[in-house]
Structure formats: C-alpha cells, structure tokens
Amino acid sequence: MKKLLFLIAIVGLFSCNSGNEKRTGSTEQTAEIVEATINIGGLHCANCVASVEKGINDLEGIKNVVVTLDDSTAVIEYDTSKLELAEIEQAVEKRGYTVKN
C-alpha cells in the first residue's frame, strides 16, 4: 500500500510540473537595425516625397524613413532580419520612381 501511495505521489508530482515549461522556437531571428541611404530619381514635389515614404513604410521591418526632396534621397532604418535593401528599392520603383546607385 505504501508503495502504491508513493508511486501515485511521484506521478502526480511529474504531471503537475510538465505544463510549466515554456518553449521557444530556434527559428526566431534577432533584429538587426541598419541605416541605408538611397538616391531616388523623379522626385519633383511634396506629393512625390509622400508617395515614396508611404511605399517604403508599408513594408514590414521599416523603423524610420526620411525622404528629402532637395537632394532626392531616402534615409531608411530597417530590420535586416525581415527585409532586404533590394525590397525597399523595389517598393520605390513600384511607385514610379528610379533608384540611382
């Protein structure tokens, strides 16, 4: 009888403890925020600037965007674990502007 009670106590102890573990996936990437500057052709007015900013800001992983009409540049802070620079350039081109290297 004592052995049975001991066995039940051990099983109960392990069954109560098994649900408390938190598991994290090993596929999670850490964020690496970088800053890039791209030259943009075709910017003529404030509406052009707003269009480019919206196109870039719509991408996942963008932290900050500043588009300047005077020098036709965009300074972008983005998370490289979610986005590549080529994807940002494509978003600008989809809006009808060119990316100059």
Foldseek 3Di string as FASTA:
>chain_A
DVVVVVVVVVVVVVVVPPPPDDDDDPPDDDWDKDKDKWAKADQDDPVLQVQLLVLQVVAPFWDDWDADSVRRMIITIGTPVRDDPVVSQVSNVVSPMHIDD
